[in-house]
Amino acid sequence: MNTNYDLIIIGGGPIGLACGIEAKKANLNYLILEKGCLVNSLYNYPSNMSFFSTSERIEIGGVPFVSNNPKPTRPEALEYYRRIAVSGHLNIHLQEKVIEVNHANDIHEVVTSKQKYLAKNIIIATGFYDIPVLMNVPGEDLPKVTHYYKEPHFYAMQKVLVVGASNSAVDAALETWRKGAEVTMVIKGEAIGRRVKYWVKPDIENRIKEGSIKAFVNSTVMAIQEKEVDIKTPDGIVTIENDYVIAMTGYQPNFDFLKKMGIELSNDENLLPTYNSETMETNVKNIYLAGVVCGGMNTHLWFIENSREHAEKIVSEILRKLKG
């Protein structure tokens, strides 16, 4: 087995695959490492999810993405990216987690759950979906609490609290309510988020207005018990009966992983990693960032459609260095 590469790409999501496509075009000796299944984050998205973007905006490698819907669905995206990987004969190892990256004499040692590799260059395209932003309240570790939502049937005829006001929270609230759950939302701000999909926003606002879904705005969860939840509202503490909490409080990149590699982060709440926007190279020589990980805690800055170009930028820079 070859363990020496020009380039190792950490992350087998859409942007990691895009980087692999560009590396293959450039005849680089490359390897994509993914700790889970192919496009693992997309696989873990809600079953009924539709993308905000149209299909052509999340295409990679110049391969058309044909969808039966105005907005492509999760199953369509899974099939599209699987075909990209298979038909493109991309060199990818799935279910192989990167444990650490060490540096010596301009060569990076990549230690995984199965093997050690050496690489001249590394691209980190790890996304942000694996580490939820916690509420840090008593009871958050109870089995009834989840930071991930898959599908609504499980919550039928249950008292469900949905925390958040973003797309994921709105989808969870509407879908579980339509399956017969008694749904309450806790919204930190004063209204449903402005980035919520435009065809969904009126739906949730009308359900709240008519009282089908109860919403506490300018409110936060204070504590979670086995059968109740305490909510801090502008009118004081409110305690409601509850069976399940779906906390759609957002996600964050693996900052510890970045810091252990020596990548510098900004000294504010955004934790922006240091990189050159022209080449995507970090402060660590020959280590590059691609995709949503570039935004730190600002996970809304980068999406598939506006970070596909990272792959071309990085591979162009690698080729420039090799020729130089």
Protein backbone atom coordinates (compact mmCIF):
# COMPACT_ATOMS: atom_id res chain seq x y z
CA MET A 1 0.00 0.00 0.00
CA ASN A 2 1.26 3.45 -0.93
CA THR A 3 1.66 5.68 2.12
CA ASN A 4 3.48 8.64 0.52
CA TYR A 5 1.47 11.32 -1.22
CA ASP A 6 1.78 14.74 -2.81
CA LEU A 7 -1.53 15.62 -1.19
CA ILE A 8 -3.80 14.25 1.50
CA ILE A 9 -7.32 15.66 1.73
CA ILE A 10 -8.96 15.31 5.15
CA GLY A 11 -12.72 15.15 4.68
CA GLY A 12 -14.83 13.33 2.10
CA GLY A 13 -17.67 15.80 1.77
CA PRO A 14 -18.55 17.69 -1.43
CA ILE A 15 -15.62 20.09 -1.08
CA GLY A 16 -13.18 17.29 -0.24
CA LEU A 17 -14.38 15.47 -3.35
CA ALA A 18 -13.96 18.67 -5.40
CA CYS A 19 -10.37 18.90 -4.15
CA GLY A 20 -9.81 15.27 -5.14
CA ILE A 21 -11.14 15.94 -8.63
CA GLU A 22 -8.77 18.88 -9.09
CA ALA A 23 -5.84 16.89 -7.69
CA LYS A 24 -6.54 14.06 -10.12
CA LYS A 25 -6.75 16.50 -13.05
CA ALA A 26 -3.35 17.85 -12.05
CA ASN A 27 -1.88 14.31 -11.88
CA LEU A 28 -1.05 14.71 -8.21
CA ASN A 29 -0.59 11.62 -6.10
CA TYR A 30 -3.45 12.22 -3.67
CA LEU A 31 -5.65 10.52 -1.10
CA ILE A 32 -8.96 11.56 0.48
CA LEU A 33 -9.51 10.42 4.07
CA GLU A 34 -13.04 10.38 5.53
CA LYS A 35 -13.82 9.22 9.06
CA GLY A 36 -17.38 8.21 8.21
CA CYS A 37 -19.31 7.34 5.09
CA LEU A 38 -19.08 9.24 1.82
CA VAL A 39 -20.36 12.83 2.28
CA ASN A 40 -20.93 11.91 5.91
CA SER A 41 -22.50 15.23 6.95
CA LEU A 42 -25.06 15.10 4.16
CA TYR A 43 -25.89 11.54 5.15
CA ASN A 44 -26.67 12.75 8.68
CA TYR A 45 -28.91 15.59 7.49
CA PRO A 46 -32.68 15.24 8.08
CA SER A 47 -34.19 12.62 5.79
CA ASN A 48 -36.66 15.02 4.16
CA MET A 49 -34.27 17.93 3.76
CA SER A 50 -34.21 20.04 0.60
CA PHE A 51 -31.25 22.27 -0.25
CA PHE A 52 -31.59 26.03 -0.34
CA SER A 53 -29.53 26.08 -3.53
CA THR A 54 -30.51 24.83 -6.95
CA SER A 55 -28.75 21.72 -8.23
CA GLU A 56 -26.38 23.50 -10.61
CA ARG A 57 -24.97 25.56 -7.74
CA ILE A 58 -23.82 22.50 -5.82
CA GLU A 59 -22.31 20.68 -8.79
CA ILE A 60 -18.62 19.82 -8.59
CA GLY A 61 -16.05 18.86 -11.19
CA GLY A 62 -18.17 20.16 -14.06
CA VAL A 63 -20.48 17.15 -13.75
CA PRO A 64 -24.17 18.11 -14.17
CA PHE A 65 -26.47 17.51 -11.19
CA VAL A 66 -29.91 16.67 -12.57
CA SER A 67 -32.69 16.97 -9.99
CA ASN A 68 -36.39 16.16 -10.25
CA ASN A 69 -37.16 19.08 -7.97
CA PRO A 70 -36.59 22.86 -8.09
CA LYS A 71 -34.42 22.37 -5.00
CA PRO A 72 -32.50 19.09 -4.82
CA THR A 73 -33.22 16.72 -1.96
CA ARG A 74 -30.86 14.89 0.38
CA PRO A 75 -31.32 11.50 -1.38
CA GLU A 76 -30.59 13.11 -4.75
CA ALA A 77 -27.43 14.74 -3.37
CA LEU A 78 -26.22 11.48 -1.83
CA GLU A 79 -26.66 9.71 -5.17
CA TYR A 80 -25.01 12.53 -7.11
CA TYR A 81 -21.88 12.68 -4.95
CA ARG A 82 -21.65 8.88 -4.81
CA ARG A 83 -21.66 8.76 -8.60
CA ILE A 84 -19.01 11.49 -8.67
CA ALA A 85 -16.74 9.42 -6.44
CA VAL A 86 -17.34 6.13 -8.24
CA SER A 87 -17.34 7.28 -11.86
CA GLY A 88 -14.39 9.59 -11.19
CA HIS A 89 -12.43 6.72 -9.60
CA LEU A 90 -11.43 9.03 -6.77
CA ASN A 91 -8.83 7.66 -4.37
CA ILE A 92 -10.74 7.78 -1.11
CA HIS A 93 -10.54 5.81 2.14
CA LEU A 94 -13.84 5.78 4.03
CA GLN A 95 -14.38 4.94 7.70
CA GLU A 96 -10.80 6.00 8.43
CA LYS A 97 -10.47 8.76 11.01
CA VAL A 98 -7.48 11.11 11.12
CA ILE A 99 -6.15 11.13 14.67
CA GLU A 100 -3.31 13.63 14.39
CA VAL A 101 -1.00 15.40 11.99
CA ASN A 102 2.69 15.87 12.80
CA HIS A 103 5.27 17.95 10.93
CA ALA A 104 8.95 17.30 10.21
CA ASN A 105 11.24 18.71 7.50
CA ASP A 106 8.38 20.02 5.33
CA ILE A 107 6.70 16.61 5.37
CA HIS A 108 3.45 15.97 7.22
CA GLU A 109 2.80 12.68 8.97
CA VAL A 110 -0.90 11.84 9.02
CA VAL A 111 -1.86 9.29 11.67
CA THR A 112 -5.26 7.64 11.19
CA SER A 113 -7.25 4.93 12.93
CA LYS A 114 -5.75 2.43 10.47
CA GLN A 115 -2.45 3.67 9.08
CA LYS A 116 0.28 6.31 8.96
CA TYR A 117 0.86 8.36 5.82
CA LEU A 118 3.36 10.98 4.67
CA ALA A 119 2.23 13.96 2.61
CA LYS A 120 3.87 17.05 1.16
CA ASN A 121 0.58 18.94 1.30
CA ILE A 122 -2.65 18.68 3.28
CA ILE A 123 -6.11 20.09 2.67
CA ILE A 124 -8.48 20.26 5.62
CA ALA A 125 -12.06 20.05 4.36
CA THR A 126 -13.68 18.73 7.51
CA GLY A 127 -16.80 20.90 7.66
CA PHE A 128 -18.49 21.58 10.98
CA TYR A 129 -21.39 19.16 11.50
CA ASP A 130 -19.80 16.82 14.02
CA ILE A 131 -19.57 19.06 17.10
CA PRO A 132 -22.81 20.70 18.29
CA VAL A 133 -22.83 24.05 20.04
CA LEU A 134 -24.03 23.18 23.52
CA MET A 135 -26.55 25.11 25.58
CA ASN A 136 -24.52 24.32 28.72
CA VAL A 137 -27.57 23.88 30.91
CA PRO A 138 -28.39 21.26 33.56
CA GLY A 139 -29.95 18.17 32.00
CA GLU A 140 -28.52 18.67 28.51
CA ASP A 141 -26.90 15.25 28.79
CA LEU A 142 -30.21 13.45 29.37
CA PRO A 143 -31.13 10.79 26.78
CA LYS A 144 -34.23 12.80 25.82
CA VAL A 145 -32.03 15.60 24.43
CA THR A 146 -30.58 15.52 20.92
CA HIS A 147 -28.63 18.02 18.82
CA TYR A 148 -29.45 16.14 15.62
CA TYR A 149 -32.78 15.64 13.91
CA LYS A 150 -33.37 12.88 11.36
CA GLU A 151 -37.08 12.32 10.77
CA PRO A 152 -40.39 13.07 12.54
CA HIS A 153 -42.19 9.76 13.12
CA PHE A 154 -40.34 9.03 16.38
CA TYR A 155 -41.85 12.16 17.95
CA ALA A 156 -45.49 11.45 17.06
CA MET A 157 -47.89 12.18 19.97
CA GLN A 158 -45.02 13.46 22.15
CA LYS A 159 -44.41 16.82 23.79
CA VAL A 160 -41.44 18.21 21.88
CA LEU A 161 -39.36 21.29 22.58
CA VAL A 162 -37.37 22.63 19.61
CA VAL A 163 -34.57 25.05 20.46
CA GLY A 164 -33.50 27.47 17.74
CA ALA A 165 -34.92 29.54 14.89
CA SER A 166 -32.80 28.47 11.92
CA ASN A 167 -33.64 26.17 9.01
CA SER A 168 -32.92 23.02 10.97
CA ALA A 169 -35.07 24.11 13.91
CA VAL A 170 -37.94 25.20 11.68
CA ASP A 171 -37.88 21.92 9.72
CA ALA A 172 -37.89 19.90 12.94
CA ALA A 173 -40.76 21.93 14.40
CA LEU A 174 -42.96 21.76 11.31
CA GLU A 175 -42.33 18.10 10.52
CA THR A 176 -42.85 16.82 14.07
CA TRP A 177 -45.98 18.96 14.45
CA ARG A 178 -47.40 17.52 11.22
CA LYS A 179 -46.82 14.02 12.62
CA GLY A 180 -48.90 14.83 15.70
CA ALA A 181 -46.35 16.13 18.17
CA GLU A 182 -47.20 18.95 20.56
CA VAL A 183 -44.45 21.38 19.61
CA THR A 184 -43.00 24.32 21.51
CA MET A 185 -40.14 26.44 20.22
CA VAL A 186 -37.60 28.40 22.25
CA ILE A 187 -36.14 31.25 20.20
CA LYS A 188 -33.22 33.27 21.51
CA GLY A 189 -34.02 36.27 19.31
CA GLU A 190 -37.23 38.08 18.65
CA ALA A 191 -38.36 36.12 15.59
CA ILE A 192 -37.71 33.24 13.20
CA GLY A 193 -34.26 33.61 11.59
CA ARG A 194 -34.00 35.71 8.46
CA ARG A 195 -31.96 33.00 6.68
CA VAL A 196 -34.78 30.46 6.90
CA LYS A 197 -35.74 29.14 3.45
CA TYR A 198 -38.15 31.62 1.90
CA TRP A 199 -40.73 28.98 1.01
CA VAL A 200 -40.77 27.65 4.60
CA LYS A 201 -40.66 30.89 6.60
CA PRO A 202 -44.32 31.89 6.05
CA ASP A 203 -45.40 28.36 7.03
CA ILE A 204 -43.73 28.40 10.45
CA GLU A 205 -44.73 32.01 11.12
CA ASN A 206 -48.37 31.20 10.38
CA ARG A 207 -48.31 28.09 12.56
CA ILE A 208 -46.95 30.18 15.43
CA LYS A 209 -49.44 32.99 14.80
CA GLU A 210 -52.42 30.63 14.87
CA GLY A 211 -51.12 28.91 17.99
CA SER A 212 -50.60 25.47 16.45
CA ILE A 213 -46.94 25.72 17.47
CA LYS A 214 -46.19 27.67 20.63
CA ALA A 215 -43.09 29.85 20.59
CA PHE A 216 -41.21 31.65 23.36
CA VAL A 217 -39.17 34.48 21.80
CA ASN A 218 -36.30 36.33 23.45
CA SER A 219 -36.03 33.21 25.59
CA THR A 220 -33.54 30.51 26.53
CA VAL A 221 -33.62 27.07 28.11
CA MET A 222 -32.55 27.19 31.76
CA ALA A 223 -32.75 23.54 32.78
CA ILE A 224 -34.02 20.20 31.50
CA GLN A 225 -35.61 17.53 33.68
CA GLU A 226 -36.96 14.09 32.90
CA LYS A 227 -40.53 15.33 32.28
CA GLU A 228 -40.19 19.13 32.25
CA VAL A 229 -38.14 21.99 30.86
CA ASP A 230 -37.53 25.37 32.52
CA ILE A 231 -37.52 28.30 30.10
CA LYS A 232 -36.30 31.81 30.88
CA THR A 233 -38.68 34.24 29.19
CA PRO A 234 -39.12 38.03 29.33
CA ASP A 235 -42.05 37.36 31.68
CA GLY A 236 -40.05 35.13 34.03
CA ILE A 237 -39.37 31.42 34.36
CA VAL A 238 -41.88 29.14 32.64
CA THR A 239 -41.93 25.38 33.24
CA ILE A 240 -43.57 23.16 30.62
CA GLU A 241 -44.20 19.44 30.36
CA ASN A 242 -41.81 17.77 27.95
CA ASP A 243 -40.87 14.38 26.51
CA TYR A 244 -38.08 15.31 24.09
CA VAL A 245 -35.79 18.26 23.37
CA ILE A 246 -34.45 18.82 19.85
CA ALA A 247 -31.71 21.40 20.34
CA MET A 248 -30.91 22.88 16.93
CA THR A 249 -28.32 25.24 18.39
CA GLY A 250 -25.78 24.98 15.59
CA TYR A 251 -22.47 23.23 15.07
CA GLN A 252 -18.80 24.16 15.00
CA PRO A 253 -15.55 23.01 13.39
CA ASN A 254 -13.11 20.86 15.34
CA PHE A 255 -11.00 23.73 16.65
CA ASP A 256 -8.85 21.44 18.81
CA PHE A 257 -7.83 19.52 15.70
CA LEU A 258 -6.83 22.74 13.94
CA LYS A 259 -4.89 24.06 16.92
CA LYS A 260 -2.98 20.80 17.38
CA MET A 261 -1.72 21.21 13.82
CA GLY A 262 -0.48 24.69 14.70
CA ILE A 263 -3.18 26.64 12.85
CA GLU A 264 -3.77 29.99 14.51
CA LEU A 265 -7.29 31.12 15.42
CA SER A 266 -8.55 34.66 15.96
CA ASN A 267 -8.79 35.88 19.56
CA ASP A 268 -12.53 36.52 19.50
CA GLU A 269 -15.75 34.54 19.55
CA ASN A 270 -15.51 33.84 15.81
CA LEU A 271 -12.33 31.74 16.13
CA LEU A 272 -11.44 32.39 12.51
CA PRO A 273 -8.52 30.24 11.32
CA THR A 274 -5.58 32.01 9.73
CA TYR A 275 -5.24 31.49 5.98
CA ASN A 276 -4.38 33.34 2.78
CA SER A 277 -7.60 33.98 0.89
CA GLU A 278 -5.76 33.85 -2.45
CA THR A 279 -4.16 30.45 -1.92
CA MET A 280 -6.11 29.06 1.07
CA GLU A 281 -2.78 28.20 2.75
CA THR A 282 -2.76 28.48 6.54
CA ASN A 283 0.04 29.82 8.71
CA VAL A 284 1.40 26.25 8.69
CA LYS A 285 3.38 25.68 5.50
CA ASN A 286 1.62 23.50 2.90
CA ILE A 287 -1.52 23.01 4.98
CA TYR A 288 -4.64 24.44 3.33
CA LEU A 289 -8.27 24.97 4.30
CA ALA A 290 -11.28 24.39 2.06
CA GLY A 291 -14.99 24.83 2.63
CA VAL A 292 -16.99 25.82 5.66
CA VAL A 293 -14.10 25.23 8.08
CA CYS A 294 -12.66 28.53 6.83
CA GLY A 295 -15.40 30.49 8.59
CA GLY A 296 -14.70 29.39 12.15
CA MET A 297 -17.85 29.90 14.20
CA ASN A 298 -19.38 31.83 11.31
CA THR A 299 -20.64 28.63 9.75
CA HIS A 300 -23.09 30.53 7.54
CA LEU A 301 -20.31 32.17 5.50
CA TRP A 302 -19.29 29.23 3.34
CA PHE A 303 -21.45 26.71 1.49
CA ILE A 304 -20.86 24.24 -1.32
CA GLU A 305 -21.72 26.80 -3.96
CA ASN A 306 -19.27 29.50 -2.84
CA SER A 307 -16.40 27.29 -1.70
CA ARG A 308 -16.05 24.97 -4.71
CA GLU A 309 -13.45 27.42 -6.01
CA HIS A 310 -11.22 26.62 -3.03
CA ALA A 311 -10.23 23.36 -4.71
CA GLU A 312 -8.91 25.10 -7.82
CA LYS A 313 -7.08 27.76 -5.80
CA ILE A 314 -5.31 25.20 -3.64
CA VAL A 315 -4.27 22.82 -6.40
CA SER A 316 -3.02 25.75 -8.49
CA GLU A 317 -0.86 26.87 -5.57
CA ILE A 318 0.48 23.34 -5.00
CA LEU A 319 1.41 23.07 -8.68
CA ARG A 320 3.07 26.49 -8.59
CA LYS A 321 5.24 25.40 -5.68
CA LEU A 322 6.13 22.09 -7.30
CA LYS A 323 7.20 23.85 -10.50
CA GLY A 324 9.09 26.51 -8.57
